Amino acid sequence: MDRVHLIVQGHVQGVGFRYHTQVQANQFGLTGYVKNLPDGTVEIVAEGETLNVNQFLDWVKQGPPAAQVKQVDIHYGEANGSFSQFTIER
């Protein structure tokens, strides 16, 4: 099991990014959260099987159609099982 902490930069707020991220995370069987940060970026913490996390990362780098992802800062770690589902934080 892997854990990633992501900071997504670009035009990623106000375009349904959090909703679409939750849908994708659920499709990949991941747990964690996504939330908007005050500086205009989006934070994602996701845990799951390595292959699923990697496929999710590929999606995040593109984002939903209305988004323009410029950069994704990725920090890897070990999953600790602290999440039971993937949620949108406010």
PDB file of N, CA and C in Angstrom:
ATOM      1  N   MET A   1       0.847  -1.185   0.000  1.00  0.00           N
ATOM      2  CA  MET A   1       0.000   0.000   0.000  1.00  0.00           C
ATOM      3  C   MET A   1       0.888   1.241   0.000  1.00  0.00           C
ATOM      4  N   ASP A   2       0.497   2.221  -0.783  1.00  0.00           N
ATOM      5  CA  ASP A   2       1.235   3.476  -0.884  1.00  0.00           C
ATOM      6  C   ASP A   2       0.376   4.645  -0.419  1.00  0.00           C
ATOM      7  N   ARG A   3       1.070   5.726  -0.081  1.00  0.00           N
ATOM      8  CA  ARG A   3       0.411   6.978   0.280  1.00  0.00           C
ATOM      9  C   ARG A   3       1.106   8.090  -0.497  1.00  0.00           C
ATOM     10  N   VAL A   4       0.316   8.990  -1.082  1.00  0.00           N
ATOM     11  CA  VAL A   4       0.880  10.162  -1.739  1.00  0.00           C
ATOM     12  C   VAL A   4       0.216  11.413  -1.176  1.00  0.00           C
ATOM     13  N   HIS A   5       1.035  12.438  -1.042  1.00  0.00           N
ATOM     14  CA  HIS A   5       0.553  13.769  -0.667  1.00  0.00           C
ATOM     15  C   HIS A   5       0.877  14.655  -1.852  1.00  0.00           C
ATOM     16  N   LEU A   6      -0.160  15.261  -2.431  1.00  0.00           N
ATOM     17  CA  LEU A   6      -0.006  16.038  -3.655  1.00  0.00           C
ATOM     18  C   LEU A   6      -0.453  17.479  -3.441  1.00  0.00           C
ATOM     19  N   ILE A   7       0.263  18.400  -4.055  1.00  0.00           N
ATOM     20  CA  ILE A   7      -0.174  19.782  -4.170  1.00  0.00           C
ATOM     21  C   ILE A   7      -0.264  20.068  -5.664  1.00  0.00           C
ATOM     22  N   VAL A   8      -1.469  20.383  -6.121  1.00  0.00           N
ATOM     23  CA  VAL A   8      -1.729  20.578  -7.543  1.00  0.00           C
ATOM     24  C   VAL A   8      -1.841  22.069  -7.814  1.00  0.00           C
ATOM     25  N   GLN A   9      -1.017  22.551  -8.750  1.00  0.00           N
ATOM     26  CA  GLN A   9      -1.006  23.969  -9.101  1.00  0.00           C
ATOM     27  C   GLN A   9      -1.558  24.169 -10.502  1.00  0.00           C
ATOM     28  N   GLY A  10      -2.096  25.355 -10.741  1.00  0.00           N
ATOM     29  CA  GLY A  10      -2.658  25.700 -12.036  1.00  0.00           C
ATOM     30  C   GLY A  10      -4.056  26.259 -11.853  1.00  0.00           C
ATOM     31  N   HIS A  11      -4.863  26.146 -12.890  1.00  0.00           N
ATOM     32  CA  HIS A  11      -6.269  26.567 -12.811  1.00  0.00           C
ATOM     33  C   HIS A  11      -7.053  25.350 -12.336  1.00  0.00           C
ATOM     34  N   VAL A  12      -7.095  25.160 -10.993  1.00  0.00           N
ATOM     35  CA  VAL A  12      -7.640  23.932 -10.426  1.00  0.00           C
ATOM     36  C   VAL A  12      -8.749  24.173  -9.396  1.00  0.00           C
ATOM     37  N   GLN A  13      -9.125  25.415  -9.196  1.00  0.00           N
ATOM     38  CA  GLN A  13     -10.254  25.704  -8.304  1.00  0.00           C
ATOM     39  C   GLN A  13     -11.374  26.323  -9.130  1.00  0.00           C
ATOM     40  N   GLY A  14     -12.607  25.968  -8.766  1.00  0.00           N
ATOM     41  CA  GLY A  14     -13.767  26.493  -9.487  1.00  0.00           C
ATOM     42  C   GLY A  14     -14.044  25.788 -10.794  1.00  0.00           C
ATOM     43  N   VAL A  15     -13.437  24.616 -10.984  1.00  0.00           N
ATOM     44  CA  VAL A  15     -13.612  23.877 -12.240  1.00  0.00           C
ATOM     45  C   VAL A  15     -14.060  22.431 -11.995  1.00  0.00           C
ATOM     46  N   GLY A  16     -14.525  22.131 -10.785  1.00  0.00           N
ATOM     47  CA  GLY A  16     -14.974  20.787 -10.458  1.00  0.00           C
ATOM     48  C   GLY A  16     -13.848  19.819 -10.165  1.00  0.00           C
ATOM     49  N   PHE A  17     -12.666  20.340  -9.887  1.00  0.00           N
ATOM     50  CA  PHE A  17     -11.502  19.486  -9.676  1.00  0.00           C
ATOM     51  C   PHE A  17     -11.693  18.534  -8.498  1.00  0.00           C
ATOM     52  N   ARG A  18     -12.193  19.040  -7.382  1.00  0.00           N
ATOM     53  CA  ARG A  18     -12.365  18.185  -6.201  1.00  0.00           C
ATOM     54  C   ARG A  18     -13.366  17.069  -6.469  1.00  0.00           C
ATOM     55  N   TYR A  19     -14.487  17.408  -7.074  1.00  0.00           N
ATOM     56  CA  TYR A  19     -15.508  16.400  -7.376  1.00  0.00           C
ATOM     57  C   TYR A  19     -14.934  15.299  -8.268  1.00  0.00           C
ATOM     58  N   HIS A  20     -14.298  15.698  -9.360  1.00  0.00           N
ATOM     59  CA  HIS A  20     -13.756  14.719 -10.299  1.00  0.00           C
ATOM     60  C   HIS A  20     -12.629  13.900  -9.670  1.00  0.00           C
ATOM     61  N   THR A  21     -11.860  14.528  -8.783  1.00  0.00           N
ATOM     62  CA  THR A  21     -10.806  13.802  -8.076  1.00  0.00           C
ATOM     63  C   THR A  21     -11.412  12.718  -7.195  1.00  0.00           C
ATOM     64  N   GLN A  22     -12.497  13.055  -6.500  1.00  0.00           N
ATOM     65  CA  GLN A  22     -13.166  12.068  -5.650  1.00  0.00           C
ATOM     66  C   GLN A  22     -13.698  10.900  -6.493  1.00  0.00           C
ATOM     67  N   VAL A  23     -14.293  11.210  -7.626  1.00  0.00           N
ATOM     68  CA  VAL A  23     -14.818  10.155  -8.507  1.00  0.00           C
ATOM     69  C   VAL A  23     -13.683   9.230  -8.957  1.00  0.00           C
ATOM     70  N   GLN A  24     -12.580   9.822  -9.401  1.00  0.00           N
ATOM     71  CA  GLN A  24     -11.447   9.017  -9.859  1.00  0.00           C
ATOM     72  C   GLN A  24     -10.861   8.183  -8.725  1.00  0.00           C
ATOM     73  N   ALA A  25     -10.688   8.791  -7.557  1.00  0.00           N
ATOM     74  CA  ALA A  25     -10.143   8.065  -6.406  1.00  0.00           C
ATOM     75  C   ALA A  25     -11.024   6.872  -6.058  1.00  0.00           C
ATOM     76  N   ASN A  26     -12.326   7.065  -6.093  1.00  0.00           N
ATOM     77  CA  ASN A  26     -13.248   5.968  -5.802  1.00  0.00           C
ATOM     78  C   ASN A  26     -13.142   4.866  -6.855  1.00  0.00           C
ATOM     79  N   GLN A  27     -12.978   5.242  -8.117  1.00  0.00           N
ATOM     80  CA  GLN A  27     -12.833   4.247  -9.175  1.00  0.00           C
ATOM     81  C   GLN A  27     -11.569   3.419  -8.991  1.00  0.00           C
ATOM     82  N   PHE A  28     -10.525   4.043  -8.444  1.00  0.00           N
ATOM     83  CA  PHE A  28      -9.266   3.334  -8.207  1.00  0.00           C
ATOM     84  C   PHE A  28      -9.210   2.679  -6.828  1.00  0.00           C
ATOM     85  N   GLY A  29     -10.284   2.792  -6.054  1.00  0.00           N
ATOM     86  CA  GLY A  29     -10.335   2.158  -4.749  1.00  0.00           C
ATOM     87  C   GLY A  29      -9.431   2.806  -3.711  1.00  0.00           C
ATOM     88  N   LEU A  30      -9.206   4.109  -3.841  1.00  0.00           N
ATOM     89  CA  LEU A  30      -8.320   4.831  -2.935  1.00  0.00           C
ATOM     90  C   LEU A  30      -9.091   5.466  -1.789  1.00  0.00           C
ATOM     91  N   THR A  31      -8.394   5.705  -0.696  1.00  0.00           N
ATOM     92  CA  THR A  31      -8.948   6.461   0.425  1.00  0.00           C
ATOM     93  C   THR A  31      -8.100   7.708   0.620  1.00  0.00           C
ATOM     94  N   GLY A  32      -8.671   8.694   1.328  1.00  0.00           N
ATOM     95  CA  GLY A  32      -7.952   9.939   1.579  1.00  0.00           C
ATOM     96  C   GLY A  32      -8.880  11.124   1.458  1.00  0.00           C
ATOM     97  N   TYR A  33      -8.321  12.243   0.958  1.00  0.00           N
ATOM     98  CA  TYR A  33      -9.134  13.450   0.818  1.00  0.00           C
ATOM     99  C   TYR A  33      -8.554  14.376  -0.241  1.00  0.00           C
ATOM    100  N   VAL A  34      -9.386  15.326  -0.657  1.00  0.00           N
ATOM    101  CA  VAL A  34      -8.985  16.410  -1.544  1.00  0.00           C
ATOM    102  C   VAL A  34      -9.569  17.686  -0.966  1.00  0.00           C
ATOM    103  N   LYS A  35      -8.808  18.784  -1.020  1.00  0.00           N
ATOM    104  CA  LYS A  35      -9.345  20.060  -0.549  1.00  0.00           C
ATOM    105  C   LYS A  35      -8.649  21.219  -1.222  1.00  0.00           C
ATOM    106  N   ASN A  36      -9.388  22.322  -1.355  1.00  0.00           N
ATOM    107  CA  ASN A  36      -8.832  23.567  -1.864  1.00  0.00           C
ATOM    108  C   ASN A  36      -8.020  24.230  -0.767  1.00  0.00           C
ATOM    109  N   LEU A  37      -6.895  24.814  -1.141  1.00  0.00           N
ATOM    110  CA  LEU A  37      -6.087  25.581  -0.206  1.00  0.00           C
ATOM    111  C   LEU A  37      -6.231  27.069  -0.505  1.00  0.00           C
ATOM    112  N   PRO A  38      -6.014  27.920   0.487  1.00  0.00           N
ATOM    113  CA  PRO A  38      -6.217  29.368   0.302  1.00  0.00           C
ATOM    114  C   PRO A  38      -5.353  29.987  -0.797  1.00  0.00           C
ATOM    115  N   ASP A  39      -4.224  29.376  -1.132  1.00  0.00           N
ATOM    116  CA  ASP A  39      -3.335  29.956  -2.155  1.00  0.00           C
ATOM    117  C   ASP A  39      -3.735  29.593  -3.579  1.00  0.00           C
ATOM    118  N   GLY A  40      -4.885  28.927  -3.753  1.00  0.00           N
ATOM    119  CA  GLY A  40      -5.369  28.581  -5.089  1.00  0.00           C
ATOM    120  C   GLY A  40      -4.958  27.199  -5.562  1.00  0.00           C
ATOM    121  N   THR A  41      -4.209  26.474  -4.752  1.00  0.00           N
ATOM    122  CA  THR A  41      -3.816  25.112  -5.106  1.00  0.00           C
ATOM    123  C   THR A  41      -4.819  24.121  -4.523  1.00  0.00           C
ATOM    124  N   VAL A  42      -4.655  22.863  -4.895  1.00  0.00           N
ATOM    125  CA  VAL A  42      -5.481  21.785  -4.361  1.00  0.00           C
ATOM    126  C   VAL A  42      -4.553  20.775  -3.704  1.00  0.00           C
ATOM    127  N   GLU A  43      -4.929  20.348  -2.500  1.00  0.00           N
ATOM    128  CA  GLU A  43      -4.173  19.328  -1.768  1.00  0.00           C
ATOM    129  C   GLU A  43      -4.913  18.007  -1.858  1.00  0.00           C
ATOM    130  N   ILE A  44      -4.149  16.940  -2.107  1.00  0.00           N
ATOM    131  CA  ILE A  44      -4.710  15.592  -2.165  1.00  0.00           C
ATOM    132  C   ILE A  44      -3.835  14.672  -1.329  1.00  0.00           C
ATOM    133  N   VAL A  45      -4.458  13.872  -0.501  1.00  0.00           N
ATOM    134  CA  VAL A  45      -3.778  12.769   0.176  1.00  0.00           C
ATOM    135  C   VAL A  45      -4.545  11.514  -0.227  1.00  0.00           C
ATOM    136  N   ALA A  46      -3.820  10.544  -0.770  1.00  0.00           N
ATOM    137  CA  ALA A  46      -4.469   9.315  -1.240  1.00  0.00           C
ATOM    138  C   ALA A  46      -3.660   8.098  -0.834  1.00  0.00           C
ATOM    139  N   GLU A  47      -4.369   7.046  -0.453  1.00  0.00           N
ATOM    140  CA  GLU A  47      -3.748   5.778  -0.091  1.00  0.00           C
ATOM    141  C   GLU A  47      -4.403   4.653  -0.869  1.00  0.00           C
ATOM    142  N   GLY A  48      -3.600   3.671  -1.233  1.00  0.00           N
ATOM    143  CA  GLY A  48      -4.137   2.506  -1.917  1.00  0.00           C
ATOM    144  C   GLY A  48      -3.044   1.641  -2.489  1.00  0.00           C
ATOM    145  N   GLU A  49      -3.452   0.663  -3.293  1.00  0.00           N
ATOM    146  CA  GLU A  49      -2.504  -0.234  -3.950  1.00  0.00           C
ATOM    147  C   GLU A  49      -1.617   0.570  -4.898  1.00  0.00           C
ATOM    148  N   THR A  50      -0.359   0.167  -5.002  1.00  0.00           N
ATOM    149  CA  THR A  50       0.636   0.909  -5.780  1.00  0.00           C
ATOM    150  C   THR A  50       0.177   1.194  -7.207  1.00  0.00           C
ATOM    151  N   LEU A  51      -0.302   0.180  -7.903  1.00  0.00           N
ATOM    152  CA  LEU A  51      -0.737   0.358  -9.293  1.00  0.00           C
ATOM    153  C   LEU A  51      -1.862   1.387  -9.378  1.00  0.00           C
ATOM    154  N   ASN A  52      -2.826   1.299  -8.467  1.00  0.00           N
ATOM    155  CA  ASN A  52      -3.960   2.222  -8.477  1.00  0.00           C
ATOM    156  C   ASN A  52      -3.515   3.645  -8.151  1.00  0.00           C
ATOM    157  N   VAL A  53      -2.601   3.790  -7.206  1.00  0.00           N
ATOM    158  CA  VAL A  53      -2.079   5.122  -6.878  1.00  0.00           C
ATOM    159  C   VAL A  53      -1.371   5.723  -8.093  1.00  0.00           C
ATOM    160  N   ASN A  54      -0.584   4.914  -8.788  1.00  0.00           N
ATOM    161  CA  ASN A  54       0.138   5.414  -9.961  1.00  0.00           C
ATOM    162  C   ASN A  54      -0.810   5.824 -11.086  1.00  0.00           C
ATOM    163  N   GLN A  55      -1.860   5.048 -11.300  1.00  0.00           N
ATOM    164  CA  GLN A  55      -2.845   5.406 -12.327  1.00  0.00           C
ATOM    165  C   GLN A  55      -3.591   6.674 -11.934  1.00  0.00           C
ATOM    166  N   PHE A  56      -3.907   6.812 -10.655  1.00  0.00           N
ATOM    167  CA  PHE A  56      -4.552   8.019 -10.143  1.00  0.00           C
ATOM    168  C   PHE A  56      -3.646   9.233 -10.366  1.00  0.00           C
ATOM    169  N   LEU A  57      -2.353   9.079 -10.100  1.00  0.00           N
ATOM    170  CA  LEU A  57      -1.399  10.171 -10.325  1.00  0.00           C
ATOM    171  C   LEU A  57      -1.391  10.606 -11.785  1.00  0.00           C
ATOM    172  N   ASP A  58      -1.439   9.639 -12.693  1.00  0.00           N
ATOM    173  CA  ASP A  58      -1.493   9.978 -14.122  1.00  0.00           C
ATOM    174  C   ASP A  58      -2.714  10.830 -14.419  1.00  0.00           C
ATOM    175  N   TRP A  59      -3.850  10.485 -13.813  1.00  0.00           N
ATOM    176  CA  TRP A  59      -5.063  11.281 -14.025  1.00  0.00           C
ATOM    177  C   TRP A  59      -4.916  12.678 -13.429  1.00  0.00           C
ATOM    178  N   VAL A  60      -4.400  12.772 -12.202  1.00  0.00           N
ATOM    179  CA  VAL A  60      -4.260  14.071 -11.529  1.00  0.00           C
ATOM    180  C   VAL A  60      -3.407  15.016 -12.365  1.00  0.00           C
ATOM    181  N   LYS A  61      -2.379  14.511 -13.012  1.00  0.00           N
ATOM    182  CA  LYS A  61      -1.486  15.356 -13.812  1.00  0.00           C
ATOM    183  C   LYS A  61      -2.216  15.991 -14.992  1.00  0.00           C
ATOM    184  N   GLN A  62      -3.331  15.395 -15.404  1.00  0.00           N
ATOM    185  CA  GLN A  62      -4.162  15.952 -16.480  1.00  0.00           C
ATOM    186  C   GLN A  62      -5.346  16.728 -15.909  1.00  0.00           C
ATOM    187  N   GLY A  63      -5.994  16.150 -14.891  1.00  0.00           N
ATOM    188  CA  GLY A  63      -7.167  16.767 -14.281  1.00  0.00           C
ATOM    189  C   GLY A  63      -8.391  16.652 -15.164  1.00  0.00           C
ATOM    190  N   PRO A  64      -9.513  17.181 -14.683  1.00  0.00           N
ATOM    191  CA  PRO A  64     -10.737  17.162 -15.490  1.00  0.00           C
ATOM    192  C   PRO A  64     -10.616  18.149 -16.660  1.00  0.00           C
ATOM    193  N   PRO A  65     -11.521  18.054 -17.636  1.00  0.00           N
ATOM    194  CA  PRO A  65     -11.407  18.871 -18.845  1.00  0.00           C
ATOM    195  C   PRO A  65     -11.290  20.379 -18.610  1.00  0.00           C
ATOM    196  N   ALA A  66     -11.992  20.933 -17.629  1.00  0.00           N
ATOM    197  CA  ALA A  66     -11.974  22.390 -17.422  1.00  0.00           C
ATOM    198  C   ALA A  66     -10.736  22.873 -16.674  1.00  0.00           C
ATOM    199  N   ALA A  67      -9.968  21.971 -16.115  1.00  0.00           N
ATOM    200  CA  ALA A  67      -8.778  22.356 -15.341  1.00  0.00           C
ATOM    201  C   ALA A  67      -7.562  22.516 -16.246  1.00  0.00           C
ATOM    202  N   GLN A  68      -6.605  23.278 -15.742  1.00  0.00           N
ATOM    203  CA  GLN A  68      -5.304  23.403 -16.407  1.00  0.00           C
ATOM    204  C   GLN A  68      -4.238  23.147 -15.345  1.00  0.00           C
ATOM    205  N   VAL A  69      -3.793  21.905 -15.263  1.00  0.00           N
ATOM    206  CA  VAL A  69      -2.787  21.529 -14.277  1.00  0.00           C
ATOM    207  C   VAL A  69      -1.417  21.964 -14.784  1.00  0.00           C
ATOM    208  N   LYS A  70      -0.742  22.790 -13.998  1.00  0.00           N
ATOM    209  CA  LYS A  70       0.585  23.285 -14.368  1.00  0.00           C
ATOM    210  C   LYS A  70       1.693  22.460 -13.724  1.00  0.00           C
ATOM    211  N   GLN A  71       1.469  22.045 -12.471  1.00  0.00           N
ATOM    212  CA  GLN A  71       2.498  21.314 -11.735  1.00  0.00           C
ATOM    213  C   GLN A  71       1.848  20.499 -10.628  1.00  0.00           C
ATOM    214  N   VAL A  72       2.431  19.337 -10.355  1.00  0.00           N
ATOM    215  CA  VAL A  72       1.988  18.505  -9.238  1.00  0.00           C
ATOM    216  C   VAL A  72       3.215  18.173  -8.397  1.00  0.00           C
ATOM    217  N   ASP A  73       3.229  18.662  -7.167  1.00  0.00           N
ATOM    218  CA  ASP A  73       4.284  18.316  -6.220  1.00  0.00           C
ATOM    219  C   ASP A  73       3.879  17.013  -5.538  1.00  0.00           C
ATOM    220  N   ILE A  74       4.751  16.018  -5.602  1.00  0.00           N
ATOM    221  CA  ILE A  74       4.423  14.672  -5.122  1.00  0.00           C
ATOM    222  C   ILE A  74       5.358  14.287  -3.982  1.00  0.00           C
ATOM    223  N   HIS A  75       4.764  13.842  -2.887  1.00  0.00           N
ATOM    224  CA  HIS A  75       5.526  13.329  -1.756  1.00  0.00           C
ATOM    225  C   HIS A  75       4.983  11.936  -1.441  1.00  0.00           C
ATOM    226  N   TYR A  76       5.856  10.945  -1.508  1.00  0.00           N
ATOM    227  CA  TYR A  76       5.464   9.555  -1.265  1.00  0.00           C
ATOM    228  C   TYR A  76       5.671   9.176   0.201  1.00  0.00           C
ATOM    229  N   GLY A  77       4.871   8.247   0.666  1.00  0.00           N
ATOM    230  CA  GLY A  77       5.019   7.725   2.015  1.00  0.00           C
ATOM    231  C   GLY A  77       4.369   6.364   2.109  1.00  0.00           C
ATOM    232  N   GLU A  78       4.359   5.832   3.295  1.00  0.00           N
ATOM    233  CA  GLU A  78       3.708   4.545   3.532  1.00  0.00           C
ATOM    234  C   GLU A  78       2.279   4.778   4.001  1.00  0.00           C
ATOM    235  N   ALA A  79       1.369   3.995   3.468  1.00  0.00           N
ATOM    236  CA  ALA A  79      -0.027   4.094   3.887  1.00  0.00           C
ATOM    237  C   ALA A  79      -0.133   3.722   5.361  1.00  0.00           C
ATOM    238  N   ASN A  80      -0.969   4.471   6.089  1.00  0.00           N
ATOM    239  CA  ASN A  80      -1.158   4.137   7.502  1.00  0.00           C
ATOM    240  C   ASN A  80      -2.603   3.744   7.818  1.00  0.00           C
ATOM    241  N   GLY A  81      -3.448   3.688   6.777  1.00  0.00           N
ATOM    242  CA  GLY A  81      -4.816   3.226   6.965  1.00  0.00           C
ATOM    243  C   GLY A  81      -5.698   4.145   7.782  1.00  0.00           C
ATOM    244  N   SER A  82      -5.359   5.430   7.812  1.00  0.00           N
ATOM    245  CA  SER A  82      -6.119   6.361   8.651  1.00  0.00           C
ATOM    246  C   SER A  82      -7.422   6.841   8.010  1.00  0.00           C
ATOM    247  N   PHE A  83      -7.677   6.444   6.763  1.00  0.00           N
ATOM    248  CA  PHE A  83      -8.894   6.872   6.072  1.00  0.00           C
ATOM    249  C   PHE A  83      -9.772   5.666   5.765  1.00  0.00           C
ATOM    250  N   SER A  84     -11.082   5.861   5.849  1.00  0.00           N
ATOM    251  CA  SER A  84     -11.995   4.772   5.509  1.00  0.00           C
ATOM    252  C   SER A  84     -12.634   4.972   4.134  1.00  0.00           C
ATOM    253  N   GLN A  85     -12.527   6.190   3.603  1.00  0.00           N
ATOM    254  CA  GLN A  85     -13.087   6.519   2.301  1.00  0.00           C
ATOM    255  C   GLN A  85     -12.329   7.705   1.739  1.00  0.00           C
ATOM    256  N   PHE A  86     -12.704   8.149   0.527  1.00  0.00           N
ATOM    257  CA  PHE A  86     -12.083   9.336  -0.076  1.00  0.00           C
ATOM    258  C   PHE A  86     -13.113  10.471  -0.004  1.00  0.00           C
ATOM    259  N   THR A  87     -12.744  11.551   0.661  1.00  0.00           N
ATOM    260  CA  THR A  87     -13.698  12.638   0.907  1.00  0.00           C
ATOM    261  C   THR A  87     -13.222  13.962   0.325  1.00  0.00           C
ATOM    262  N   ILE A  88     -14.181  14.863   0.165  1.00  0.00           N
ATOM    263  CA  ILE A  88     -13.890  16.249  -0.184  1.00  0.00           C
ATOM    264  C   ILE A  88     -13.915  17.041   1.114  1.00  0.00           C
ATOM    265  N   GLU A  89     -12.778  17.629   1.452  1.00  0.00           N
ATOM    266  CA  GLU A  89     -12.685  18.448   2.668  1.00  0.00           C
ATOM    267  C   GLU A  89     -12.980  19.890   2.302  1.00  0.00           C
ATOM    268  N   ARG A  90     -13.534  20.621   3.271  1.00  0.00           N
ATOM    269  CA  ARG A  90     -13.837  22.028   3.024  1.00  0.00           C
ATOM    270  C   ARG A  90     -13.041  22.901   3.941  1.00  0.00           C
TER     271      ARG A  90
END
